[in-house]
Amino acid sequence: MRTIHDRMPVIIAPGYFEQWLNCRDYSGKEVAHLLRPVPAETLEAYPVSSLVNSPSNDSWKCAQPLQPNESSLVGV
C-alpha cells in the first residue's frame, strides 16, 4: 500500500468481525492484535475513476477498474 498511500486501511478477517465490532464484550486492548498488516498477496491494486475523490459518489462504479482506453476522469 505504501506506493499508493501512506495510510493502510484496517482489514479484519471475516472470522473476527464479531469480536472487532462488539465493543460491549471486548476492549480495544483485547482486539489490538487484529491490527496487523495483511499479506501482500491478499490485496489487489488497480487504477479507478476519480469518482472515488468525492464522498457524494456513493456508487459501485468507484471500485470498478479503469479500462486501458479510459482516463481517470471518467464519469465526472
PDB file of N, CA and C in Angstrom:
ATOM      1  N   MET A   1       0.808  -1.207   0.000  1.00  0.00           N
ATOM      2  CA  MET A   1       0.000   0.000   0.000  1.00  0.00           C
ATOM      3  C   MET A   1       0.846   1.264   0.000  1.00  0.00           C
ATOM      4  N   ARG A   2       2.057   1.187   0.498  1.00  0.00           N
ATOM      5  CA  ARG A   2       2.883   2.380   0.668  1.00  0.00           C
ATOM      6  C   ARG A   2       3.063   3.148  -0.644  1.00  0.00           C
ATOM      7  N   THR A   3       3.114   2.437  -1.778  1.00  0.00           N
ATOM      8  CA  THR A   3       3.299   3.128  -3.059  1.00  0.00           C
ATOM      9  C   THR A   3       2.047   3.891  -3.482  1.00  0.00           C
ATOM     10  N   ILE A   4       0.900   3.554  -2.884  1.00  0.00           N
ATOM     11  CA  ILE A   4      -0.354   4.215  -3.233  1.00  0.00           C
ATOM     12  C   ILE A   4      -0.722   5.291  -2.227  1.00  0.00           C
ATOM     13  N   HIS A   5      -0.538   4.982  -0.938  1.00  0.00           N
ATOM     14  CA  HIS A   5      -0.934   5.917   0.109  1.00  0.00           C
ATOM     15  C   HIS A   5      -0.125   5.643   1.370  1.00  0.00           C
ATOM     16  N   ASP A   6       0.041   6.667   2.207  1.00  0.00           N
ATOM     17  CA  ASP A   6       0.845   6.496   3.423  1.00  0.00           C
ATOM     18  C   ASP A   6       0.072   5.878   4.584  1.00  0.00           C
ATOM     19  N   ARG A   7      -1.233   5.678   4.405  1.00  0.00           N
ATOM     20  CA  ARG A   7      -2.031   5.033   5.455  1.00  0.00           C
ATOM     21  C   ARG A   7      -2.570   3.704   4.946  1.00  0.00           C
ATOM     22  N   MET A   8      -2.629   2.738   5.836  1.00  0.00           N
ATOM     23  CA  MET A   8      -3.131   1.411   5.494  1.00  0.00           C
ATOM     24  C   MET A   8      -4.520   1.251   6.093  1.00  0.00           C
ATOM     25  N   PRO A   9      -5.487   0.799   5.303  1.00  0.00           N
ATOM     26  CA  PRO A   9      -6.808   0.568   5.885  1.00  0.00           C
ATOM     27  C   PRO A   9      -6.780  -0.632   6.825  1.00  0.00           C
ATOM     28  N   VAL A  10      -7.671  -0.635   7.780  1.00  0.00           N
ATOM     29  CA  VAL A  10      -7.810  -1.795   8.658  1.00  0.00           C
ATOM     30  C   VAL A  10      -8.587  -2.855   7.886  1.00  0.00           C
ATOM     31  N   ILE A  11      -8.032  -4.034   7.810  1.00  0.00           N
ATOM     32  CA  ILE A  11      -8.688  -5.149   7.137  1.00  0.00           C
ATOM     33  C   ILE A  11      -8.838  -6.265   8.167  1.00  0.00           C
ATOM     34  N   ILE A  12     -10.076  -6.555   8.511  1.00  0.00           N
ATOM     35  CA  ILE A  12     -10.373  -7.565   9.528  1.00  0.00           C
ATOM     36  C   ILE A  12     -10.893  -8.816   8.826  1.00  0.00           C
ATOM     37  N   ALA A  13     -10.313  -9.956   9.147  1.00  0.00           N
ATOM     38  CA  ALA A  13     -10.764 -11.229   8.570  1.00  0.00           C
ATOM     39  C   ALA A  13     -12.194 -11.513   9.028  1.00  0.00           C
ATOM     40  N   PRO A  14     -13.015 -12.096   8.158  1.00  0.00           N
ATOM     41  CA  PRO A  14     -14.413 -12.357   8.497  1.00  0.00           C
ATOM     42  C   PRO A  14     -14.612 -13.100   9.816  1.00  0.00           C
ATOM     43  N   GLY A  15     -13.742 -13.991  10.163  1.00  0.00           N
ATOM     44  CA  GLY A  15     -13.873 -14.734  11.412  1.00  0.00           C
ATOM     45  C   GLY A  15     -13.745 -13.877  12.658  1.00  0.00           C
ATOM     46  N   TYR A  16     -13.272 -12.647  12.515  1.00  0.00           N
ATOM     47  CA  TYR A  16     -13.076 -11.740  13.651  1.00  0.00           C
ATOM     48  C   TYR A  16     -14.039 -10.555  13.642  1.00  0.00           C
ATOM     49  N   PHE A  17     -14.999 -10.505  12.705  1.00  0.00           N
ATOM     50  CA  PHE A  17     -15.937  -9.385  12.627  1.00  0.00           C
ATOM     51  C   PHE A  17     -16.665  -9.160  13.955  1.00  0.00           C
ATOM     52  N   GLU A  18     -17.217 -10.223  14.524  1.00  0.00           N
ATOM     53  CA  GLU A  18     -17.981 -10.104  15.774  1.00  0.00           C
ATOM     54  C   GLU A  18     -17.114  -9.520  16.878  1.00  0.00           C
ATOM     55  N   GLN A  19     -15.903 -10.025  17.021  1.00  0.00           N
ATOM     56  CA  GLN A  19     -15.001  -9.540  18.068  1.00  0.00           C
ATOM     57  C   GLN A  19     -14.652  -8.073  17.831  1.00  0.00           C
ATOM     58  N   TRP A  20     -14.349  -7.699  16.602  1.00  0.00           N
ATOM     59  CA  TRP A  20     -13.961  -6.334  16.262  1.00  0.00           C
ATOM     60  C   TRP A  20     -15.098  -5.338  16.516  1.00  0.00           C
ATOM     61  N   LEU A  21     -16.322  -5.725  16.186  1.00  0.00           N
ATOM     62  CA  LEU A  21     -17.457  -4.816  16.279  1.00  0.00           C
ATOM     63  C   LEU A  21     -18.152  -4.818  17.639  1.00  0.00           C
ATOM     64  N   ASN A  22     -17.858  -5.785  18.473  1.00  0.00           N
ATOM     65  CA  ASN A  22     -18.549  -5.926  19.751  1.00  0.00           C
ATOM     66  C   ASN A  22     -17.813  -5.165  20.858  1.00  0.00           C
ATOM     67  N   CYS A  23     -18.120  -3.886  20.982  1.00  0.00           N
ATOM     68  CA  CYS A  23     -17.465  -3.027  21.977  1.00  0.00           C
ATOM     69  C   CYS A  23     -17.949  -3.308  23.399  1.00  0.00           C
ATOM     70  N   ARG A  24     -19.066  -3.974  23.541  1.00  0.00           N
ATOM     71  CA  ARG A  24     -19.603  -4.271  24.867  1.00  0.00           C
ATOM     72  C   ARG A  24     -18.786  -5.370  25.547  1.00  0.00           C
ATOM     73  N   ASP A  25     -18.393  -6.397  24.790  1.00  0.00           N
ATOM     74  CA  ASP A  25     -17.717  -7.542  25.381  1.00  0.00           C
ATOM     75  C   ASP A  25     -16.198  -7.560  25.188  1.00  0.00           C
ATOM     76  N   TYR A  26     -15.696  -6.703  24.300  1.00  0.00           N
ATOM     77  CA  TYR A  26     -14.256  -6.680  24.021  1.00  0.00           C
ATOM     78  C   TYR A  26     -13.720  -5.258  24.140  1.00  0.00           C
ATOM     79  N   SER A  27     -12.613  -5.113  24.824  1.00  0.00           N
ATOM     80  CA  SER A  27     -11.974  -3.794  24.933  1.00  0.00           C
ATOM     81  C   SER A  27     -11.039  -3.596  23.740  1.00  0.00           C
ATOM     82  N   GLY A  28     -10.626  -2.368  23.542  1.00  0.00           N
ATOM     83  CA  GLY A  28      -9.651  -2.071  22.495  1.00  0.00           C
ATOM     84  C   GLY A  28      -8.384  -2.881  22.662  1.00  0.00           C
ATOM     85  N   LYS A  29      -8.001  -3.057  23.906  1.00  0.00           N
ATOM     86  CA  LYS A  29      -6.796  -3.832  24.205  1.00  0.00           C
ATOM     87  C   LYS A  29      -6.946  -5.291  23.753  1.00  0.00           C
ATOM     88  N   GLU A  30      -8.157  -5.818  23.902  1.00  0.00           N
ATOM     89  CA  GLU A  30      -8.409  -7.215  23.542  1.00  0.00           C
ATOM     90  C   GLU A  30      -8.471  -7.459  22.037  1.00  0.00           C
ATOM     91  N   VAL A  31      -8.717  -6.408  21.264  1.00  0.00           N
ATOM     92  CA  VAL A  31      -8.775  -6.585  19.802  1.00  0.00           C
ATOM     93  C   VAL A  31      -7.574  -5.968  19.089  1.00  0.00           C
ATOM     94  N   ALA A  32      -6.661  -5.380  19.831  1.00  0.00           N
ATOM     95  CA  ALA A  32      -5.498  -4.723  19.218  1.00  0.00           C
ATOM     96  C   ALA A  32      -4.676  -5.684  18.366  1.00  0.00           C
ATOM     97  N   HIS A  33      -4.669  -6.968  18.740  1.00  0.00           N
ATOM     98  CA  HIS A  33      -3.891  -7.943  17.962  1.00  0.00           C
ATOM     99  C   HIS A  33      -4.415  -8.101  16.529  1.00  0.00           C
ATOM    100  N   LEU A  34      -5.647  -7.650  16.270  1.00  0.00           N
ATOM    101  CA  LEU A  34      -6.215  -7.731  14.930  1.00  0.00           C
ATOM    102  C   LEU A  34      -5.655  -6.657  13.998  1.00  0.00           C
ATOM    103  N   LEU A  35      -5.012  -5.650  14.561  1.00  0.00           N
ATOM    104  CA  LEU A  35      -4.459  -4.540  13.773  1.00  0.00           C
ATOM    105  C   LEU A  35      -3.055  -4.888  13.309  1.00  0.00           C
ATOM    106  N   ARG A  36      -2.999  -5.695  12.278  1.00  0.00           N
ATOM    107  CA  ARG A  36      -1.708  -6.085  11.712  1.00  0.00           C
ATOM    108  C   ARG A  36      -1.846  -6.111  10.197  1.00  0.00           C
ATOM    109  N   PRO A  37      -0.752  -5.903   9.491  1.00  0.00           N
ATOM    110  CA  PRO A  37      -0.830  -5.916   8.023  1.00  0.00           C
ATOM    111  C   PRO A  37      -1.275  -7.277   7.498  1.00  0.00           C
ATOM    112  N   VAL A  38      -2.057  -7.244   6.440  1.00  0.00           N
ATOM    113  CA  VAL A  38      -2.435  -8.493   5.782  1.00  0.00           C
ATOM    114  C   VAL A  38      -1.344  -8.854   4.777  1.00  0.00           C
ATOM    115  N   PRO A  39      -1.212 -10.107   4.426  1.00  0.00           N
ATOM    116  CA  PRO A  39      -0.218 -10.490   3.421  1.00  0.00           C
ATOM    117  C   PRO A  39      -0.460  -9.757   2.104  1.00  0.00           C
ATOM    118  N   ALA A  40       0.608  -9.331   1.462  1.00  0.00           N
ATOM    119  CA  ALA A  40       0.503  -8.557   0.217  1.00  0.00           C
ATOM    120  C   ALA A  40      -0.331  -9.275  -0.842  1.00  0.00           C
ATOM    121  N   GLU A  41      -0.244 -10.599  -0.890  1.00  0.00           N
ATOM    122  CA  GLU A  41      -0.988 -11.344  -1.914  1.00  0.00           C
ATOM    123  C   GLU A  41      -2.507 -11.320  -1.666  1.00  0.00           C
ATOM    124  N   THR A  42      -2.931 -10.825  -0.517  1.00  0.00           N
ATOM    125  CA  THR A  42      -4.350 -10.696  -0.200  1.00  0.00           C
ATOM    126  C   THR A  42      -4.967  -9.514  -0.947  1.00  0.00           C
ATOM    127  N   LEU A  43      -4.174  -8.517  -1.280  1.00  0.00           N
ATOM    128  CA  LEU A  43      -4.655  -7.277  -1.883  1.00  0.00           C
ATOM    129  C   LEU A  43      -4.390  -7.229  -3.371  1.00  0.00           C
ATOM    130  N   GLU A  44      -5.226  -6.482  -4.064  1.00  0.00           N
ATOM    131  CA  GLU A  44      -5.035  -6.247  -5.491  1.00  0.00           C
ATOM    132  C   GLU A  44      -5.192  -4.751  -5.739  1.00  0.00           C
ATOM    133  N   ALA A  45      -4.245  -4.159  -6.442  1.00  0.00           N
ATOM    134  CA  ALA A  45      -4.316  -2.725  -6.736  1.00  0.00           C
ATOM    135  C   ALA A  45      -4.548  -2.523  -8.228  1.00  0.00           C
ATOM    136  N   TYR A  46      -5.420  -1.575  -8.550  1.00  0.00           N
ATOM    137  CA  TYR A  46      -5.675  -1.229  -9.944  1.00  0.00           C
ATOM    138  C   TYR A  46      -6.206   0.198  -9.991  1.00  0.00           C
ATOM    139  N   PRO A  47      -5.978   0.910 -11.097  1.00  0.00           N
ATOM    140  CA  PRO A  47      -6.470   2.284 -11.213  1.00  0.00           C
ATOM    141  C   PRO A  47      -7.994   2.317 -11.282  1.00  0.00           C
ATOM    142  N   VAL A  48      -8.581   3.332 -10.644  1.00  0.00           N
ATOM    143  CA  VAL A  48     -10.029   3.536 -10.669  1.00  0.00           C
ATOM    144  C   VAL A  48     -10.324   4.978 -11.068  1.00  0.00           C
ATOM    145  N   SER A  49     -11.571   5.243 -11.327  1.00  0.00           N
ATOM    146  CA  SER A  49     -12.008   6.583 -11.710  1.00  0.00           C
ATOM    147  C   SER A  49     -11.798   7.573 -10.566  1.00  0.00           C
ATOM    148  N   SER A  50     -11.680   8.829 -10.904  1.00  0.00           N
ATOM    149  CA  SER A  50     -11.572   9.876  -9.891  1.00  0.00           C
ATOM    150  C   SER A  50     -12.908  10.094  -9.165  1.00  0.00           C
ATOM    151  N   LEU A  51     -13.923   9.325  -9.511  1.00  0.00           N
ATOM    152  CA  LEU A  51     -15.179   9.358  -8.760  1.00  0.00           C
ATOM    153  C   LEU A  51     -14.924   9.092  -7.282  1.00  0.00           C
ATOM    154  N   VAL A  52     -13.890   8.329  -6.966  1.00  0.00           N
ATOM    155  CA  VAL A  52     -13.585   7.992  -5.568  1.00  0.00           C
ATOM    156  C   VAL A  52     -13.169   9.211  -4.761  1.00  0.00           C
ATOM    157  N   ASN A  53     -12.873  10.317  -5.404  1.00  0.00           N
ATOM    158  CA  ASN A  53     -12.386  11.502  -4.701  1.00  0.00           C
ATOM    159  C   ASN A  53     -13.464  12.288  -3.963  1.00  0.00           C
ATOM    160  N   SER A  54     -14.731  11.931  -4.176  1.00  0.00           N
ATOM    161  CA  SER A  54     -15.815  12.656  -3.509  1.00  0.00           C
ATOM    162  C   SER A  54     -16.720  11.685  -2.763  1.00  0.00           C
ATOM    163  N   PRO A  55     -16.958  11.926  -1.470  1.00  0.00           N
ATOM    164  CA  PRO A  55     -17.846  11.048  -0.719  1.00  0.00           C
ATOM    165  C   PRO A  55     -19.289  11.068  -1.223  1.00  0.00           C
ATOM    166  N   SER A  56     -19.661  12.076  -2.012  1.00  0.00           N
ATOM    167  CA  SER A  56     -21.023  12.114  -2.550  1.00  0.00           C
ATOM    168  C   SER A  56     -21.238  11.079  -3.647  1.00  0.00           C
ATOM    169  N   ASN A  57     -20.158  10.522  -4.161  1.00  0.00           N
ATOM    170  CA  ASN A  57     -20.252   9.474  -5.177  1.00  0.00           C
ATOM    171  C   ASN A  57     -20.297   8.106  -4.504  1.00  0.00           C
ATOM    172  N   ASP A  58     -21.435   7.778  -3.933  1.00  0.00           N
ATOM    173  CA  ASP A  58     -21.623   6.501  -3.245  1.00  0.00           C
ATOM    174  C   ASP A  58     -22.151   5.492  -4.255  1.00  0.00           C
ATOM    175  N   SER A  59     -21.239   4.929  -5.040  1.00  0.00           N
ATOM    176  CA  SER A  59     -21.634   4.067  -6.142  1.00  0.00           C
ATOM    177  C   SER A  59     -20.650   2.917  -6.312  1.00  0.00           C
ATOM    178  N   TRP A  60     -21.142   1.809  -6.820  1.00  0.00           N
ATOM    179  CA  TRP A  60     -20.288   0.667  -7.137  1.00  0.00           C
ATOM    180  C   TRP A  60     -19.250   1.046  -8.195  1.00  0.00           C
ATOM    181  N   LYS A  61     -19.538   2.081  -8.983  1.00  0.00           N
ATOM    182  CA  LYS A  61     -18.613   2.491 -10.049  1.00  0.00           C
ATOM    183  C   LYS A  61     -17.259   2.944  -9.491  1.00  0.00           C
ATOM    184  N   CYS A  62     -17.229   3.377  -8.226  1.00  0.00           N
ATOM    185  CA  CYS A  62     -15.978   3.828  -7.616  1.00  0.00           C
ATOM    186  C   CYS A  62     -14.944   2.710  -7.526  1.00  0.00           C
ATOM    187  N   ALA A  63     -15.383   1.484  -7.448  1.00  0.00           N
ATOM    188  CA  ALA A  63     -14.467   0.357  -7.283  1.00  0.00           C
ATOM    189  C   ALA A  63     -14.155  -0.371  -8.590  1.00  0.00           C
ATOM    190  N   GLN A  64     -14.743   0.091  -9.686  1.00  0.00           N
ATOM    191  CA  GLN A  64     -14.514  -0.590 -10.956  1.00  0.00           C
ATOM    192  C   GLN A  64     -13.169  -0.206 -11.556  1.00  0.00           C
ATOM    193  N   PRO A  65     -12.405  -1.185 -12.040  1.00  0.00           N
ATOM    194  CA  PRO A  65     -11.111  -0.863 -12.676  1.00  0.00           C
ATOM    195  C   PRO A  65     -11.319  -0.023 -13.940  1.00  0.00           C
ATOM    196  N   LEU A  66     -10.420   0.898 -14.161  1.00  0.00           N
ATOM    197  CA  LEU A  66     -10.439   1.639 -15.424  1.00  0.00           C
ATOM    198  C   LEU A  66     -10.007   0.704 -16.535  1.00  0.00           C
ATOM    199  N   GLN A  67     -10.615   0.876 -17.681  1.00  0.00           N
ATOM    200  CA  GLN A  67     -10.187   0.124 -18.857  1.00  0.00           C
ATOM    201  C   GLN A  67      -8.985   0.841 -19.464  1.00  0.00           C
ATOM    202  N   PRO A  68      -8.133   0.134 -20.201  1.00  0.00           N
ATOM    203  CA  PRO A  68      -6.911   0.758 -20.744  1.00  0.00           C
ATOM    204  C   PRO A  68      -7.142   2.045 -21.534  1.00  0.00           C
ATOM    205  N   ASN A  69      -8.297   2.192 -22.188  1.00  0.00           N
ATOM    206  CA  ASN A  69      -8.560   3.380 -23.005  1.00  0.00           C
ATOM    207  C   ASN A  69      -9.305   4.484 -22.255  1.00  0.00           C
ATOM    208  N   GLU A  70      -9.583   4.299 -20.952  1.00  0.00           N
ATOM    209  CA  GLU A  70     -10.307   5.294 -20.169  1.00  0.00           C
ATOM    210  C   GLU A  70      -9.342   6.200 -19.419  1.00  0.00           C
ATOM    211  N   SER A  71      -9.771   7.451 -19.201  1.00  0.00           N
ATOM    212  CA  SER A  71      -8.975   8.341 -18.356  1.00  0.00           C
ATOM    213  C   SER A  71      -9.504   8.241 -16.932  1.00  0.00           C
ATOM    214  N   SER A  72      -8.772   8.768 -15.989  1.00  0.00           N
ATOM    215  CA  SER A  72      -9.200   8.695 -14.584  1.00  0.00           C
ATOM    216  C   SER A  72     -10.368   9.629 -14.303  1.00  0.00           C
ATOM    217  N   LEU A  73     -10.767  10.461 -15.249  1.00  0.00           N
ATOM    218  CA  LEU A  73     -11.851  11.407 -15.032  1.00  0.00           C
ATOM    219  C   LEU A  73     -13.175  10.900 -15.586  1.00  0.00           C
ATOM    220  N   VAL A  74     -13.267   9.625 -15.887  1.00  0.00           N
ATOM    221  CA  VAL A  74     -14.488   9.048 -16.434  1.00  0.00           C
ATOM    222  C   VAL A  74     -15.654   9.285 -15.485  1.00  0.00           C
ATOM    223  N   GLY A  75     -16.765   9.746 -16.008  1.00  0.00           N
ATOM    224  CA  GLY A  75     -17.985   9.896 -15.218  1.00  0.00           C
ATOM    225  C   GLY A  75     -18.056  11.154 -14.381  1.00  0.00           C
ATOM    226  N   VAL A  76     -17.086  12.032 -14.482  1.00  0.00           N
ATOM    227  CA  VAL A  76     -17.115  13.251 -13.661  1.00  0.00           C
ATOM    228  C   VAL A  76     -17.758  14.358 -14.445  1.00  0.00           C
TER     229      VAL A  76
END
